[in-house]
Amino acid sequence: MWANIEEFYLEVDAKIYCLKLNGGLERLEWVRPLLEDGGVQKIVHNYNFALVLLARQEIKLNGVMGDTMLLGYVNDPSV
């Protein structure tokens, strides 16, 4: 069993934008160039999960500088 991408959040200049896919993946094409651009630094939550979900849509996630879930674990493994 796998999840589907339902929403996508982007933070740009301290503003957070939510892209709701509403069951259609066409909107994901709007952010494909950004996701695949290794020159654009990204911080993600649960990188491995995001990598698999995006790969199912043939989108390569490049330029990832950190994973908040992993960093949270490193900071405090008991949480």
PDB file of N, CA and C in Angstrom:
ATOM      1  N   MET A   1       0.842  -1.176   0.000  1.00  0.00           N
ATOM      2  CA  MET A   1       0.000   0.000   0.000  1.00  0.00           C
ATOM      3  C   MET A   1       0.890   1.243   0.000  1.00  0.00           C
ATOM      4  N   TRP A   2       0.581   2.175  -0.889  1.00  0.00           N
ATOM      5  CA  TRP A   2       1.341   3.410  -0.981  1.00  0.00           C
ATOM      6  C   TRP A   2       0.414   4.600  -0.941  1.00  0.00           C
ATOM      7  N   ALA A   3       0.930   5.678  -0.447  1.00  0.00           N
ATOM      8  CA  ALA A   3       0.171   6.933  -0.403  1.00  0.00           C
ATOM      9  C   ALA A   3       0.251   7.628  -1.751  1.00  0.00           C
ATOM     10  N   ASN A   4      -0.630   8.567  -1.935  1.00  0.00           N
ATOM     11  CA  ASN A   4      -0.609   9.408  -3.119  1.00  0.00           C
ATOM     12  C   ASN A   4      -0.286  10.831  -2.701  1.00  0.00           C
ATOM     13  N   ILE A   5       0.260  11.590  -3.607  1.00  0.00           N
ATOM     14  CA  ILE A   5       0.548  12.991  -3.328  1.00  0.00           C
ATOM     15  C   ILE A   5      -0.771  13.757  -3.399  1.00  0.00           C
ATOM     16  N   GLU A   6      -1.152  14.375  -2.299  1.00  0.00           N
ATOM     17  CA  GLU A   6      -2.401  15.140  -2.244  1.00  0.00           C
ATOM     18  C   GLU A   6      -2.151  16.640  -2.235  1.00  0.00           C
ATOM     19  N   GLU A   7      -1.110  17.052  -1.526  1.00  0.00           N
ATOM     20  CA  GLU A   7      -0.771  18.466  -1.421  1.00  0.00           C
ATOM     21  C   GLU A   7       0.734  18.625  -1.519  1.00  0.00           C
ATOM     22  N   PHE A   8       1.121  19.812  -1.900  1.00  0.00           N
ATOM     23  CA  PHE A   8       2.532  20.122  -2.039  1.00  0.00           C
ATOM     24  C   PHE A   8       2.741  21.510  -1.455  1.00  0.00           C
ATOM     25  N   TYR A   9       3.679  21.658  -0.546  1.00  0.00           N
ATOM     26  CA  TYR A   9       3.920  22.948   0.096  1.00  0.00           C
ATOM     27  C   TYR A   9       5.270  23.498  -0.332  1.00  0.00           C
ATOM     28  N   LEU A  10       5.295  24.789  -0.623  1.00  0.00           N
ATOM     29  CA  LEU A  10       6.524  25.482  -0.989  1.00  0.00           C
ATOM     30  C   LEU A  10       6.641  26.737  -0.142  1.00  0.00           C
ATOM     31  N   GLU A  11       7.842  26.997   0.351  1.00  0.00           N
ATOM     32  CA  GLU A  11       8.091  28.262   1.033  1.00  0.00           C
ATOM     33  C   GLU A  11       9.010  29.092   0.156  1.00  0.00           C
ATOM     34  N   VAL A  12       8.564  30.291  -0.160  1.00  0.00           N
ATOM     35  CA  VAL A  12       9.345  31.213  -0.985  1.00  0.00           C
ATOM     36  C   VAL A  12       9.297  32.578  -0.310  1.00  0.00           C
ATOM     37  N   ASP A  13      10.463  33.134  -0.020  1.00  0.00           N
ATOM     38  CA  ASP A  13      10.546  34.450   0.624  1.00  0.00           C
ATOM     39  C   ASP A  13       9.663  34.537   1.867  1.00  0.00           C
ATOM     40  N   ALA A  14       9.752  33.538   2.715  1.00  0.00           N
ATOM     41  CA  ALA A  14       9.033  33.467   3.994  1.00  0.00           C
ATOM     42  C   ALA A  14       7.517  33.367   3.833  1.00  0.00           C
ATOM     43  N   LYS A  15       7.039  33.063   2.642  1.00  0.00           N
ATOM     44  CA  LYS A  15       5.616  32.819   2.416  1.00  0.00           C
ATOM     45  C   LYS A  15       5.440  31.350   2.063  1.00  0.00           C
ATOM     46  N   ILE A  16       4.403  30.722   2.614  1.00  0.00           N
ATOM     47  CA  ILE A  16       4.149  29.307   2.350  1.00  0.00           C
ATOM     48  C   ILE A  16       2.970  29.184   1.400  1.00  0.00           C
ATOM     49  N   TYR A  17       3.182  28.417   0.346  1.00  0.00           N
ATOM     50  CA  TYR A  17       2.154  28.190  -0.664  1.00  0.00           C
ATOM     51  C   TYR A  17       1.763  26.719  -0.645  1.00  0.00           C
ATOM     52  N   CYS A  18       0.479  26.447  -0.758  1.00  0.00           N
ATOM     53  CA  CYS A  18      -0.029  25.079  -0.796  1.00  0.00           C
ATOM     54  C   CYS A  18      -0.606  24.809  -2.174  1.00  0.00           C
ATOM     55  N   LEU A  19      -0.108  23.778  -2.815  1.00  0.00           N
ATOM     56  CA  LEU A  19      -0.611  23.358  -4.118  1.00  0.00           C
ATOM     57  C   LEU A  19      -1.422  22.088  -3.894  1.00  0.00           C
ATOM     58  N   LYS A  20      -2.737  22.190  -3.935  1.00  0.00           N
ATOM     59  CA  LYS A  20      -3.616  21.025  -3.751  1.00  0.00           C
ATOM     60  C   LYS A  20      -3.805  20.348  -5.103  1.00  0.00           C
ATOM     61  N   LEU A  21      -3.547  19.055  -5.147  1.00  0.00           N
ATOM     62  CA  LEU A  21      -3.626  18.326  -6.409  1.00  0.00           C
ATOM     63  C   LEU A  21      -5.035  17.852  -6.718  1.00  0.00           C
ATOM     64  N   ASN A  22      -5.892  17.746  -5.701  1.00  0.00           N
ATOM     65  CA  ASN A  22      -7.294  17.361  -5.908  1.00  0.00           C
ATOM     66  C   ASN A  22      -7.459  16.133  -6.799  1.00  0.00           C
ATOM     67  N   GLY A  23      -6.628  15.138  -6.568  1.00  0.00           N
ATOM     68  CA  GLY A  23      -6.749  13.890  -7.310  1.00  0.00           C
ATOM     69  C   GLY A  23      -6.108  13.899  -8.682  1.00  0.00           C
ATOM     70  N   GLY A  24      -5.703  15.058  -9.173  1.00  0.00           N
ATOM     71  CA  GLY A  24      -5.049  15.143 -10.481  1.00  0.00           C
ATOM     72  C   GLY A  24      -3.592  15.530 -10.315  1.00  0.00           C
ATOM     73  N   LEU A  25      -2.741  14.943 -11.103  1.00  0.00           N
ATOM     74  CA  LEU A  25      -1.312  15.203 -10.965  1.00  0.00           C
ATOM     75  C   LEU A  25      -0.801  16.230 -11.965  1.00  0.00           C
ATOM     76  N   GLU A  26      -1.697  16.806 -12.765  1.00  0.00           N
ATOM     77  CA  GLU A  26      -1.262  17.773 -13.764  1.00  0.00           C
ATOM     78  C   GLU A  26      -0.565  18.968 -13.114  1.00  0.00           C
ATOM     79  N   ARG A  27      -1.073  19.391 -11.965  1.00  0.00           N
ATOM     80  CA  ARG A  27      -0.483  20.548 -11.278  1.00  0.00           C
ATOM     81  C   ARG A  27       0.938  20.273 -10.811  1.00  0.00           C
ATOM     82  N   LEU A  28       1.268  19.017 -10.614  1.00  0.00           N
ATOM     83  CA  LEU A  28       2.625  18.673 -10.214  1.00  0.00           C
ATOM     84  C   LEU A  28       3.619  19.078 -11.295  1.00  0.00           C
ATOM     85  N   GLU A  29       3.156  19.125 -12.531  1.00  0.00           N
ATOM     86  CA  GLU A  29       4.020  19.551 -13.637  1.00  0.00           C
ATOM     87  C   GLU A  29       4.442  21.009 -13.480  1.00  0.00           C
ATOM     88  N   TRP A  30       3.651  21.807 -12.774  1.00  0.00           N
ATOM     89  CA  TRP A  30       4.005  23.211 -12.555  1.00  0.00           C
ATOM     90  C   TRP A  30       5.301  23.331 -11.767  1.00  0.00           C
ATOM     91  N   VAL A  31       5.531  22.408 -10.834  1.00  0.00           N
ATOM     92  CA  VAL A  31       6.715  22.494  -9.974  1.00  0.00           C
ATOM     93  C   VAL A  31       7.827  21.537 -10.388  1.00  0.00           C
ATOM     94  N   ARG A  32       7.603  20.736 -11.420  1.00  0.00           N
ATOM     95  CA  ARG A  32       8.634  19.795 -11.878  1.00  0.00           C
ATOM     96  C   ARG A  32       9.975  20.492 -12.138  1.00  0.00           C
ATOM     97  N   PRO A  33      10.011  21.604 -12.897  1.00  0.00           N
ATOM     98  CA  PRO A  33      11.306  22.241 -13.153  1.00  0.00           C
ATOM     99  C   PRO A  33      12.016  22.659 -11.868  1.00  0.00           C
ATOM    100  N   LEU A  34      11.275  23.136 -10.899  1.00  0.00           N
ATOM    101  CA  LEU A  34      11.848  23.538  -9.622  1.00  0.00           C
ATOM    102  C   LEU A  34      12.402  22.330  -8.870  1.00  0.00           C
ATOM    103  N   LEU A  35      11.643  21.243  -8.832  1.00  0.00           N
ATOM    104  CA  LEU A  35      12.069  20.044  -8.109  1.00  0.00           C
ATOM    105  C   LEU A  35      13.291  19.398  -8.739  1.00  0.00           C
ATOM    106  N   GLU A  36      13.376  19.430 -10.049  1.00  0.00           N
ATOM    107  CA  GLU A  36      14.474  18.760 -10.745  1.00  0.00           C
ATOM    108  C   GLU A  36      15.716  19.638 -10.883  1.00  0.00           C
ATOM    109  N   ASP A  37      15.608  20.929 -10.568  1.00  0.00           N
ATOM    110  CA  ASP A  37      16.738  21.850 -10.679  1.00  0.00           C
ATOM    111  C   ASP A  37      17.647  21.695  -9.468  1.00  0.00           C
ATOM    112  N   GLY A  38      18.828  21.126  -9.686  1.00  0.00           N
ATOM    113  CA  GLY A  38      19.780  20.934  -8.605  1.00  0.00           C
ATOM    114  C   GLY A  38      20.365  22.232  -8.085  1.00  0.00           C
ATOM    115  N   GLY A  39      20.231  23.311  -8.847  1.00  0.00           N
ATOM    116  CA  GLY A  39      20.731  24.610  -8.421  1.00  0.00           C
ATOM    117  C   GLY A  39      19.820  25.303  -7.422  1.00  0.00           C
ATOM    118  N   VAL A  40      18.610  24.807  -7.264  1.00  0.00           N
ATOM    119  CA  VAL A  40      17.666  25.361  -6.292  1.00  0.00           C
ATOM    120  C   VAL A  40      17.732  24.496  -5.039  1.00  0.00           C
ATOM    121  N   GLN A  41      18.222  25.084  -3.946  1.00  0.00           N
ATOM    122  CA  GLN A  41      18.366  24.326  -2.709  1.00  0.00           C
ATOM    123  C   GLN A  41      17.001  24.050  -2.089  1.00  0.00           C
ATOM    124  N   LYS A  42      16.857  22.833  -1.575  1.00  0.00           N
ATOM    125  CA  LYS A  42      15.586  22.416  -0.985  1.00  0.00           C
ATOM    126  C   LYS A  42      15.815  21.736   0.358  1.00  0.00           C
ATOM    127  N   ILE A  43      14.891  21.961   1.258  1.00  0.00           N
ATOM    128  CA  ILE A  43      14.840  21.219   2.514  1.00  0.00           C
ATOM    129  C   ILE A  43      13.496  20.514   2.519  1.00  0.00           C
ATOM    130  N   VAL A  44      13.502  19.212   2.751  1.00  0.00           N
ATOM    131  CA  VAL A  44      12.268  18.424   2.680  1.00  0.00           C
ATOM    132  C   VAL A  44      12.012  17.738   4.019  1.00  0.00           C
ATOM    133  N   HIS A  45      10.820  17.227   4.177  1.00  0.00           N
ATOM    134  CA  HIS A  45      10.474  16.408   5.338  1.00  0.00           C
ATOM    135  C   HIS A  45      10.247  14.986   4.837  1.00  0.00           C
ATOM    136  N   ASN A  46      10.965  14.037   5.429  1.00  0.00           N
ATOM    137  CA  ASN A  46      10.868  12.626   5.040  1.00  0.00           C
ATOM    138  C   ASN A  46      11.318  12.436   3.591  1.00  0.00           C
ATOM    139  N   TYR A  47      12.579  12.740   3.357  1.00  0.00           N
ATOM    140  CA  TYR A  47      13.171  12.721   2.020  1.00  0.00           C
ATOM    141  C   TYR A  47      12.945  11.402   1.284  1.00  0.00           C
ATOM    142  N   ASN A  48      13.188  10.288   1.932  1.00  0.00           N
ATOM    143  CA  ASN A  48      13.058   8.996   1.237  1.00  0.00           C
ATOM    144  C   ASN A  48      11.635   8.753   0.748  1.00  0.00           C
ATOM    145  N   PHE A  49      10.655   9.106   1.558  1.00  0.00           N
ATOM    146  CA  PHE A  49       9.257   8.945   1.172  1.00  0.00           C
ATOM    147  C   PHE A  49       8.925   9.865  -0.004  1.00  0.00           C
ATOM    148  N   ALA A  50       9.362  11.119   0.085  1.00  0.00           N
ATOM    149  CA  ALA A  50       9.129  12.078  -1.002  1.00  0.00           C
ATOM    150  C   ALA A  50       9.804  11.605  -2.283  1.00  0.00           C
ATOM    151  N   LEU A  51      11.001  11.064  -2.153  1.00  0.00           N
ATOM    152  CA  LEU A  51      11.747  10.578  -3.311  1.00  0.00           C
ATOM    153  C   LEU A  51      10.977   9.477  -4.032  1.00  0.00           C
ATOM    154  N   VAL A  52      10.419   8.545  -3.282  1.00  0.00           N
ATOM    155  CA  VAL A  52       9.661   7.438  -3.874  1.00  0.00           C
ATOM    156  C   VAL A  52       8.375   7.947  -4.528  1.00  0.00           C
ATOM    157  N   LEU A  53       7.623   8.802  -3.820  1.00  0.00           N
ATOM    158  CA  LEU A  53       6.370   9.310  -4.384  1.00  0.00           C
ATOM    159  C   LEU A  53       6.608  10.101  -5.666  1.00  0.00           C
ATOM    160  N   LEU A  54       7.639  10.932  -5.673  1.00  0.00           N
ATOM    161  CA  LEU A  54       7.933  11.711  -6.879  1.00  0.00           C
ATOM    162  C   LEU A  54       8.465  10.822  -7.995  1.00  0.00           C
ATOM    163  N   ALA A  55       9.258   9.819  -7.653  1.00  0.00           N
ATOM    164  CA  ALA A  55       9.782   8.898  -8.673  1.00  0.00           C
ATOM    165  C   ALA A  55       8.642   8.150  -9.363  1.00  0.00           C
ATOM    166  N   ARG A  56       7.575   7.866  -8.637  1.00  0.00           N
ATOM    167  CA  ARG A  56       6.414   7.211  -9.251  1.00  0.00           C
ATOM    168  C   ARG A  56       5.799   8.092 -10.334  1.00  0.00           C
ATOM    169  N   GLN A  57       6.045   9.408 -10.250  1.00  0.00           N
ATOM    170  CA  GLN A  57       5.550  10.349 -11.261  1.00  0.00           C
ATOM    171  C   GLN A  57       6.661  10.755 -12.234  1.00  0.00           C
ATOM    172  N   GLU A  58       7.778  10.014 -12.169  1.00  0.00           N
ATOM    173  CA  GLU A  58       8.949  10.257 -13.018  1.00  0.00           C
ATOM    174  C   GLU A  58       9.516  11.661 -12.821  1.00  0.00           C
ATOM    175  N   ILE A  59       9.516  12.111 -11.574  1.00  0.00           N
ATOM    176  CA  ILE A  59      10.102  13.397 -11.205  1.00  0.00           C
ATOM    177  C   ILE A  59      11.325  13.112 -10.348  1.00  0.00           C
ATOM    178  N   LYS A  60      12.453  13.715 -10.724  1.00  0.00           N
ATOM    179  CA  LYS A  60      13.696  13.541  -9.978  1.00  0.00           C
ATOM    180  C   LYS A  60      13.863  14.708  -9.018  1.00  0.00           C
ATOM    181  N   LEU A  61      14.024  14.417  -7.755  1.00  0.00           N
ATOM    182  CA  LEU A  61      14.188  15.438  -6.726  1.00  0.00           C
ATOM    183  C   LEU A  61      15.679  15.709  -6.558  1.00  0.00           C
ATOM    184  N   ASN A  62      16.121  16.873  -7.000  1.00  0.00           N
ATOM    185  CA  ASN A  62      17.534  17.248  -6.948  1.00  0.00           C
ATOM    186  C   ASN A  62      17.718  18.492  -6.084  1.00  0.00           C
ATOM    187  N   GLY A  63      18.925  18.675  -5.574  1.00  0.00           N
ATOM    188  CA  GLY A  63      19.250  19.875  -4.814  1.00  0.00           C
ATOM    189  C   GLY A  63      18.796  19.854  -3.366  1.00  0.00           C
ATOM    190  N   VAL A  64      18.568  18.673  -2.823  1.00  0.00           N
ATOM    191  CA  VAL A  64      18.105  18.575  -1.430  1.00  0.00           C
ATOM    192  C   VAL A  64      19.290  18.791  -0.491  1.00  0.00           C
ATOM    193  N   MET A  65      19.126  19.759   0.405  1.00  0.00           N
ATOM    194  CA  MET A  65      20.187  20.119   1.342  1.00  0.00           C
ATOM    195  C   MET A  65      19.956  19.538   2.735  1.00  0.00           C
ATOM    196  N   GLY A  66      18.736  19.108   3.028  1.00  0.00           N
ATOM    197  CA  GLY A  66      18.460  18.574   4.351  1.00  0.00           C
ATOM    198  C   GLY A  66      17.083  17.951   4.443  1.00  0.00           C
ATOM    199  N   ASP A  67      16.910  17.154   5.478  1.00  0.00           N
ATOM    200  CA  ASP A  67      15.650  16.461   5.744  1.00  0.00           C
ATOM    201  C   ASP A  67      15.252  16.782   7.184  1.00  0.00           C
ATOM    202  N   THR A  68      14.151  17.501   7.369  1.00  0.00           N
ATOM    203  CA  THR A  68      13.746  17.912   8.714  1.00  0.00           C
ATOM    204  C   THR A  68      13.423  16.726   9.615  1.00  0.00           C
ATOM    205  N   MET A  69      12.910  15.650   9.055  1.00  0.00           N
ATOM    206  CA  MET A  69      12.595  14.481   9.871  1.00  0.00           C
ATOM    207  C   MET A  69      13.886  13.841  10.391  1.00  0.00           C
ATOM    208  N   LEU A  70      14.861  13.700   9.531  1.00  0.00           N
ATOM    209  CA  LEU A  70      16.146  13.127   9.929  1.00  0.00           C
ATOM    210  C   LEU A  70      16.861  14.041  10.927  1.00  0.00           C
ATOM    211  N   LEU A  71      16.836  15.340  10.670  1.00  0.00           N
ATOM    212  CA  LEU A  71      17.489  16.278  11.583  1.00  0.00           C
ATOM    213  C   LEU A  71      16.813  16.286  12.951  1.00  0.00           C
ATOM    214  N   GLY A  72      15.495  16.122  12.974  1.00  0.00           N
ATOM    215  CA  GLY A  72      14.784  16.033  14.249  1.00  0.00           C
ATOM    216  C   GLY A  72      15.223  14.819  15.043  1.00  0.00           C
ATOM    217  N   TYR A  73      15.424  13.705  14.349  1.00  0.00           N
ATOM    218  CA  TYR A  73      15.873  12.481  15.017  1.00  0.00           C
ATOM    219  C   TYR A  73      17.290  12.649  15.554  1.00  0.00           C
ATOM    220  N   VAL A  74      18.159  13.251  14.752  1.00  0.00           N
ATOM    221  CA  VAL A  74      19.542  13.469  15.185  1.00  0.00           C
ATOM    222  C   VAL A  74      19.566  14.384  16.408  1.00  0.00           C
ATOM    223  N   ASN A  75      18.700  15.380  16.407  1.00  0.00           N
ATOM    224  CA  ASN A  75      18.636  16.333  17.511  1.00  0.00           C
ATOM    225  C   ASN A  75      18.121  15.679  18.795  1.00  0.00           C
ATOM    226  N   ASP A  76      17.113  14.815  18.678  1.00  0.00           N
ATOM    227  CA  ASP A  76      16.541  14.161  19.863  1.00  0.00           C
ATOM    228  C   ASP A  76      15.907  12.833  19.459  1.00  0.00           C
ATOM    229  N   PRO A  77      16.671  11.732  19.517  1.00  0.00           N
ATOM    230  CA  PRO A  77      16.166  10.427  19.090  1.00  0.00           C
ATOM    231  C   PRO A  77      15.005   9.898  19.930  1.00  0.00           C
ATOM    232  N   SER A  78      14.771  10.456  21.104  1.00  0.00           N
ATOM    233  CA  SER A  78      13.707   9.944  21.966  1.00  0.00           C
ATOM    234  C   SER A  78      12.323  10.433  21.546  1.00  0.00           C
ATOM    235  N   VAL A  79      12.269  11.399  20.670  1.00  0.00           N
ATOM    236  CA  VAL A  79      10.967  11.967  20.265  1.00  0.00           C
ATOM    237  C   VAL A  79      10.357  11.133  19.178  1.00  0.00           C
TER     238      VAL A  79
END
